[in-house]
Protein backbone atom coordinates (compact mmCIF):
# COMPACT_ATOMS: atom_id res chain seq x y z
CA MET A 1 185.88 147.34 151.60
CA LEU A 2 182.66 145.86 152.90
CA THR A 3 179.93 148.37 153.63
CA SER A 4 176.43 147.87 155.01
CA GLU A 5 174.98 148.68 151.60
CA LYS A 6 177.24 146.13 149.90
CA ILE A 7 176.43 143.49 152.52
CA LYS A 8 172.70 143.92 151.96
CA GLU A 9 173.10 143.74 148.23
CA MET A 10 175.10 140.51 148.49
CA ALA A 11 172.64 138.96 150.95
CA LYS A 12 169.75 139.59 148.58
CA GLU A 13 171.73 138.19 145.66
CA ALA A 14 172.25 135.05 147.75
CA GLY A 15 168.49 134.70 148.31
CA ALA A 16 167.39 136.83 151.26
CA ASP A 17 164.32 139.04 150.84
CA ILE A 18 165.10 141.53 153.62
CA VAL A 19 168.31 142.32 155.50
CA GLY A 20 169.09 144.31 158.64
CA ILE A 21 172.23 144.95 160.68
CA ALA A 22 172.73 145.22 164.44
CA SER A 23 175.83 146.28 166.33
CA MET A 24 176.76 143.75 168.99
CA ASP A 25 176.49 146.24 171.86
CA ARG A 26 172.72 146.18 171.39
CA PHE A 27 172.64 142.72 172.95
CA GLU A 28 173.74 144.07 176.31
CA GLY A 29 171.32 142.89 178.99
CA LEU A 30 170.52 139.49 177.53
CA PRO A 31 171.36 136.54 179.80
CA LYS A 32 174.61 134.79 178.86
CA GLU A 33 172.58 131.76 177.77
CA MET A 34 170.96 133.89 175.06
CA ASP A 35 173.72 136.34 174.16
CA PRO A 36 175.21 135.79 170.67
CA ARG A 37 178.38 137.56 171.81
CA GLN A 38 179.15 134.35 173.69
CA ILE A 39 179.53 132.62 170.32
CA PHE A 40 182.00 135.12 168.86
CA PRO A 41 183.24 137.66 171.46
CA GLU A 42 185.22 139.61 168.83
CA ALA A 43 182.19 140.04 166.56
CA LYS A 44 181.24 143.60 165.72
CA SER A 45 178.03 143.07 163.76
CA MET A 46 175.06 140.78 163.35
CA ILE A 47 173.40 140.55 159.94
CA VAL A 48 169.81 139.29 160.11
CA LEU A 49 168.17 137.88 156.99
CA GLY A 50 164.46 137.47 156.37
CA PHE A 51 163.01 134.91 153.94
CA ARG A 52 159.45 135.56 152.90
CA ILE A 53 156.74 132.94 153.28
CA LEU A 54 154.71 133.23 150.10
CA ARG A 55 151.11 134.22 150.66
CA GLY A 56 150.25 131.39 148.30
CA CYS A 57 151.57 128.91 150.86
CA PHE A 58 148.46 129.64 152.93
CA ARG A 59 145.96 129.37 150.05
CA GLY A 60 145.27 125.65 150.32
CA ILE A 61 144.73 125.94 154.07
CA GLU A 62 142.32 128.83 153.55
CA GLU A 63 140.36 126.69 151.07
CA GLY A 64 140.71 123.55 153.23
CA THR A 65 141.89 121.47 150.29
CA TRP A 66 145.72 121.54 150.23
CA PHE A 67 147.90 121.48 153.35
CA THR A 68 151.22 120.37 151.89
CA THR A 69 152.54 123.67 150.53
CA PHE A 70 152.61 125.56 153.81
CA SER A 71 154.42 122.74 155.60
CA LEU A 72 156.82 121.93 152.75
CA MET A 73 157.50 125.35 151.21
CA GLY A 74 156.48 127.84 153.87
CA TYR A 75 158.02 126.08 156.85
CA GLY A 76 160.30 123.11 156.22
CA GLY A 77 161.58 124.19 152.82
CA ILE A 78 162.79 127.55 154.09
CA ARG A 79 164.08 126.29 157.41
CA TRP A 80 165.87 123.16 156.28
CA VAL A 81 166.78 123.81 152.64
CA PHE A 82 166.68 127.33 151.25
CA GLN A 83 167.86 129.20 154.35
CA PRO A 84 171.03 127.11 154.86
CA ILE A 85 171.89 127.29 151.15
CA CYS A 86 171.60 131.08 151.24
CA LEU A 87 173.78 131.25 154.36
CA TRP A 88 176.43 129.09 152.75
CA LYS A 89 176.58 131.39 149.74
CA PHE A 90 176.55 134.56 151.78
CA THR A 91 179.04 133.61 154.49
CA LYS A 92 181.56 132.49 151.84
CA ILE A 93 181.39 135.94 150.29
CA ILE A 94 182.08 137.59 153.65
CA GLU A 95 184.95 135.25 154.45
CA ASN A 96 186.43 135.84 151.00
CA GLU A 97 186.80 139.45 152.14
CA GLY A 98 188.86 138.34 155.14
CA TYR A 99 186.16 138.59 157.82
CA GLU A 100 184.97 135.62 159.83
CA ALA A 101 181.26 134.83 159.53
CA VAL A 102 179.24 132.54 161.81
CA PRO A 103 175.94 131.35 160.24
CA ILE A 104 172.99 130.90 162.60
CA VAL A 105 170.00 129.13 161.07
CA ASP A 106 166.52 129.15 162.57
CA ASN A 107 166.95 125.71 164.10
CA PHE A 108 168.20 124.98 167.60
CA PRO A 109 167.98 121.23 168.31
CA TRP A 110 170.98 121.24 170.66
CA THR A 111 170.08 124.36 172.60
CA ASN A 112 170.80 124.38 176.31
CA ILE A 113 167.29 125.40 177.28
CA ASP A 114 167.55 124.08 180.84
CA ASN A 115 169.22 127.17 182.23
CA LEU A 116 167.06 129.78 180.53
CA ASP A 117 164.82 131.95 182.65
CA PRO A 118 161.31 131.78 181.14
CA GLU A 119 160.36 134.92 183.02
CA PHE A 120 162.98 136.99 181.19
CA ILE A 121 161.41 136.91 177.76
CA GLY A 122 158.67 134.37 178.08
CA GLN A 123 158.03 130.69 177.89
CA ASP A 124 157.98 130.90 174.10
CA PHE A 125 161.78 130.77 174.08
CA ILE A 126 161.78 127.42 175.84
CA ASN A 127 161.67 124.41 173.54
CA VAL A 128 158.04 123.40 173.05
CA ASN A 129 158.58 119.65 172.97
CA ARG A 130 160.29 119.68 176.35
CA THR A 131 157.82 121.91 178.18
CA MET A 132 154.80 120.18 176.69
CA TYR A 133 155.23 117.15 178.89
CA GLY A 134 156.71 118.93 181.88
CA GLU A 135 160.21 117.62 181.29
CA ILE A 136 162.07 120.88 181.81
CA GLU A 137 162.70 120.06 185.48
CA LYS A 138 163.65 116.48 184.67
CA TYR A 139 166.52 117.65 182.45
CA LYS A 140 167.50 120.77 184.37
CA GLY A 141 171.27 120.94 184.71
CA LYS A 142 171.76 117.67 182.84
CA TRP A 143 171.80 118.85 179.23
CA SER A 144 175.30 120.28 179.13
CA LYS A 145 177.81 122.08 181.31
CA PRO A 146 180.08 125.10 180.79
CA VAL A 147 183.62 124.54 179.54
CA SER A 148 184.81 127.19 182.02
CA VAL A 149 183.32 129.21 184.87
CA GLU A 150 182.93 132.41 182.87
CA LYS A 151 181.06 130.80 179.96
CA PRO A 152 177.44 129.64 179.62
CA ALA A 153 176.71 126.00 178.90
CA PRO A 154 176.48 125.03 175.22
CA ASP A 155 174.58 125.51 173.00
CA ILE A 156 173.29 128.97 173.80
CA PHE A 157 169.84 129.91 172.51
CA VAL A 158 169.88 132.79 170.00
CA PRO A 159 166.48 134.58 170.25
CA MET A 160 165.91 135.19 166.56
CA LYS A 161 163.04 137.65 166.84
CA ILE A 162 165.03 139.74 169.32
CA CYS A 163 167.93 139.69 166.85
CA ALA A 164 165.64 140.83 164.04
CA TYR A 165 164.29 143.65 166.20
CA LEU A 166 167.81 144.79 167.11
CA ALA A 167 168.74 144.72 163.41
CA GLY A 168 165.94 147.16 162.61
CA LEU A 169 163.89 144.74 160.49
CA GLY A 170 160.61 145.35 162.28
CA GLU A 171 158.91 144.74 165.62
CA ILE A 172 157.46 141.94 167.72
CA GLY A 173 153.67 141.87 167.36
CA TYR A 174 151.17 141.11 170.09
CA SER A 175 151.11 137.44 169.05
CA GLY A 176 154.85 137.18 169.63
CA MET A 177 155.42 136.81 165.88
CA PHE A 178 158.00 139.08 164.29
CA LEU A 179 156.43 141.63 161.94
CA THR A 180 158.16 143.49 159.13
CA PRO A 181 156.90 146.42 157.06
CA GLU A 182 157.47 144.32 153.95
CA PHE A 183 155.60 141.11 154.77
CA GLY A 184 154.00 141.44 158.20
CA PRO A 185 154.37 138.02 159.89
CA ARG A 186 155.22 136.17 156.66
CA GLN A 187 158.93 135.44 157.01
CA ARG A 188 161.45 133.16 158.65
CA LEU A 189 164.71 134.51 160.00
CA ALA A 190 168.40 133.65 160.05
CA ALA A 191 171.49 135.51 161.22
CA ILE A 192 175.24 135.86 160.75
CA ILE A 193 177.69 137.29 163.26
CA THR A 194 180.91 138.70 161.92
CA ASP A 195 183.93 140.78 162.89
CA ALA A 196 183.26 143.07 159.93
CA PRO A 197 182.51 146.59 161.25
CA LEU A 198 179.18 147.57 159.70
CA GLU A 199 176.80 150.47 160.15
CA PRO A 200 173.74 149.30 162.13
CA ASP A 201 170.18 150.04 161.08
CA PRO A 202 167.88 152.17 163.22
CA LEU A 203 165.36 150.35 165.42
CA VAL A 204 161.70 150.26 164.46
CA GLU A 205 159.59 151.96 167.10
CA PRO A 206 157.22 149.49 168.84
CA GLY A 207 153.66 150.04 167.63
CA THR A 208 154.72 151.04 164.12
CA ILE A 209 153.27 147.90 162.53
CA CYS A 210 151.20 146.12 165.20
CA ASP A 211 148.15 148.17 166.20
CA ARG A 212 146.98 145.66 168.83
CA CYS A 213 143.89 144.75 166.80
CA MET A 214 143.86 141.41 168.69
CA GLU A 215 142.80 139.44 165.60
CA CYS A 216 145.58 136.99 166.46
CA VAL A 217 143.94 136.35 169.83
CA LYS A 218 140.44 136.02 168.36
CA GLU A 219 141.37 133.64 165.55
CA CYS A 220 143.94 131.40 167.24
CA PRO A 221 142.28 127.95 167.05
CA ALA A 222 143.85 126.96 170.35
CA GLY A 223 143.14 130.14 172.31
CA ALA A 224 146.87 130.07 173.05
CA ILE A 225 147.52 133.84 173.07
CA SER A 226 146.48 135.59 176.26
CA GLU A 227 144.45 138.75 175.88
CA LYS A 228 145.59 140.11 179.25
CA GLU A 229 148.88 138.51 180.32
CA LYS A 230 151.96 139.98 178.67
CA VAL A 231 155.68 139.36 178.36
CA LYS A 232 157.72 142.53 178.86
CA ILE A 233 161.41 143.10 178.27
CA LYS A 234 163.79 146.03 177.99
CA ILE A 235 166.49 145.83 175.34
CA ALA A 236 168.60 148.47 173.58
CA GLY A 237 166.92 151.14 175.68
CA LYS A 238 163.42 150.18 174.49
CA GLU A 239 160.60 148.55 176.43
CA ILE A 240 158.71 146.03 174.32
CA GLU A 241 155.94 143.59 175.12
CA TRP A 242 153.73 140.93 173.57
CA GLY A 243 151.00 138.57 174.67
CA LYS A 244 151.88 135.55 176.74
CA VAL A 245 151.58 132.35 174.71
CA ASP A 246 150.66 128.90 176.00
CA PHE A 247 152.93 126.87 173.75
CA ARG A 248 151.51 123.52 174.70
CA LYS A 249 148.16 124.65 173.29
CA CYS A 250 149.91 126.30 170.35
CA SER A 251 151.84 123.19 169.35
CA VAL A 252 148.85 120.88 169.64
CA ALA A 253 146.73 123.19 167.44
CA PHE A 254 149.52 123.72 164.90
CA HIS A 255 149.76 119.98 164.35
CA GLY A 256 146.01 119.53 164.00
CA GLY A 257 144.92 119.02 167.58
CA THR A 258 141.72 121.06 167.30
CA LYS A 259 138.79 119.21 165.77
CA GLU A 260 137.24 122.26 164.13
CA PHE A 261 140.30 122.85 161.94
CA ASN A 262 141.54 119.37 161.02
CA PRO A 263 139.96 117.49 158.07
CA PHE A 264 142.23 114.49 158.59
CA ILE A 265 140.23 112.99 161.44
CA VAL A 266 138.89 109.76 160.01
CA THR A 267 138.91 107.21 162.85
CA GLU A 268 138.01 106.93 166.50
CA GLU A 269 141.68 106.33 167.16
CA ASP A 270 142.44 109.80 165.77
CA GLU A 271 139.87 111.29 168.13
CA ARG A 272 141.68 109.92 171.17
CA GLY A 273 144.85 111.80 170.27
CA PHE A 274 143.34 115.25 170.64
CA ASN A 275 144.70 117.60 173.29
CA GLU A 276 147.07 114.91 174.51
CA GLN A 277 149.77 115.00 171.86
CA PRO A 278 150.64 117.15 168.85
CA TYR A 279 149.99 114.40 166.30
CA THR A 280 146.93 112.26 165.83
CA LYS A 281 147.47 108.51 165.59
CA SER A 282 146.45 107.60 162.06
CA MET A 283 149.02 106.06 159.73
CA PHE A 284 148.79 109.03 157.34
CA TYR A 285 149.38 111.49 160.12
CA LYS A 286 152.40 109.67 161.50
CA LEU A 287 154.06 109.85 158.09
CA SER A 288 153.27 113.51 157.51
CA PRO A 289 155.69 115.12 160.02
CA ILE A 290 158.51 113.02 158.56
CA LEU A 291 157.68 113.93 154.97
CA PHE A 292 156.84 117.59 155.43
CA ASP A 293 158.55 118.63 158.69
CA ASN A 294 155.94 119.74 161.16
CA ARG A 295 152.67 119.28 159.33
CA GLY A 296 150.93 122.60 159.85
CA ILE A 297 147.30 121.50 159.92
CA GLY A 298 146.40 124.43 162.17
CA GLY A 299 147.73 126.79 159.53
CA MET A 300 148.75 129.50 162.01
CA ARG A 301 145.29 131.00 161.56
CA GLY A 302 145.65 133.63 164.25
CA CYS A 303 149.29 134.65 164.51
CA GLN A 304 149.92 134.67 160.75
CA ILE A 305 146.79 134.49 158.58
CA ALA A 306 144.55 136.80 160.65
CA CYS A 307 147.51 139.12 161.18
CA PHE A 308 148.51 139.57 157.55
CA ILE A 309 144.86 139.91 156.47
CA HIS A 310 144.47 142.80 158.91
CA LEU A 311 147.77 144.44 157.99
CA GLU A 312 146.96 144.22 154.28
CA GLU A 313 143.54 145.77 154.85
CA LYS A 314 145.09 148.62 156.82
CA GLY A 315 147.82 149.20 154.23
CA LYS A 316 150.58 148.52 156.75
CA ILE A 317 152.73 146.21 154.64
CA LYS A 318 154.47 146.82 151.33
CA ASN A 319 153.93 143.42 149.70
CA ILE A 320 150.47 144.11 148.25
CA PHE A 321 148.27 141.98 146.02
CA LYS A 322 145.64 142.43 143.30
CA ARG A 323 142.95 140.74 145.37
CA PRO A 324 142.23 140.25 149.09
CA PHE A 325 143.33 136.97 150.64
CA ARG A 326 139.98 136.16 152.25
CA THR A 327 136.84 136.46 150.14
CA LYS A 328 134.45 134.20 152.07
CA LYS A 329 133.75 132.99 155.55
CA PRO A 330 136.56 130.67 156.76
CA TRP A 331 135.70 126.99 157.04
CA LYS A 332 135.19 124.95 160.18
CA MET A 333 134.63 121.23 160.56
CA LYS A 334 131.20 120.24 161.89
């Protein structure tokens, strides 16, 4: 018989670092376009897996000398390689026990984002590449259509950080990043929905990890996180909120669109790409997103680095280290 304890043990053996379980009734109140019950109406449980981003993945960015590891190992490697392999292993174990298991990776290229309401849980759940150039209206209603009147159009968008919250893994911080007591913001998430009846984990009370220090706001190179405007939702009987994020600014900065934090600006042609598109125009830079999947030149300095530095200093996360991450003033390009 599968139990919650056994499930967690198997998930960690398959490669997950943290595991939480939600009962499917906790998703009541989500729009149909975001409700995982629309994928598997008979499902009884969602298992959410967290995969740590090594603190060492940020070291080269902190020093300003090595940007490959974060993009390759901390972002693309987890999202496109390790996470799917773990899900394959884990879902086979569940299905060997006679329960159906639907793997949901942290990747939604076919999501029907046109019909989502950005006011429900914020613009951050709308695909960045579409909103960046104002194309959401252009495609509205033309992406896909429902197979019947009672169903949402495919593919629904599964809000991974909401799933992680409902599985008791942690809370949503002010930056909008998901925070866990183990790693703070340093993880990527995946989920499985199954008809196996499992005991759900208790929810983490909002404010348990994030103390609203606002370091994420102060250190975001794009100024993308609002200090005053907030996104507020009510789910599973809890009211939660986080800062409103301008994801056009966020995406441009992440890909190196702020001069102060990008050492790969070598030509006048590169300069012209700033604040207009997420990639500069040099030959090297065009190759980088292909090779490393979303070249993270910006390094997530506010929402991840500043956040985990603060949480480590305050003793709020369990993954502790022999030495502090930051030992000198962070670099800026002149």
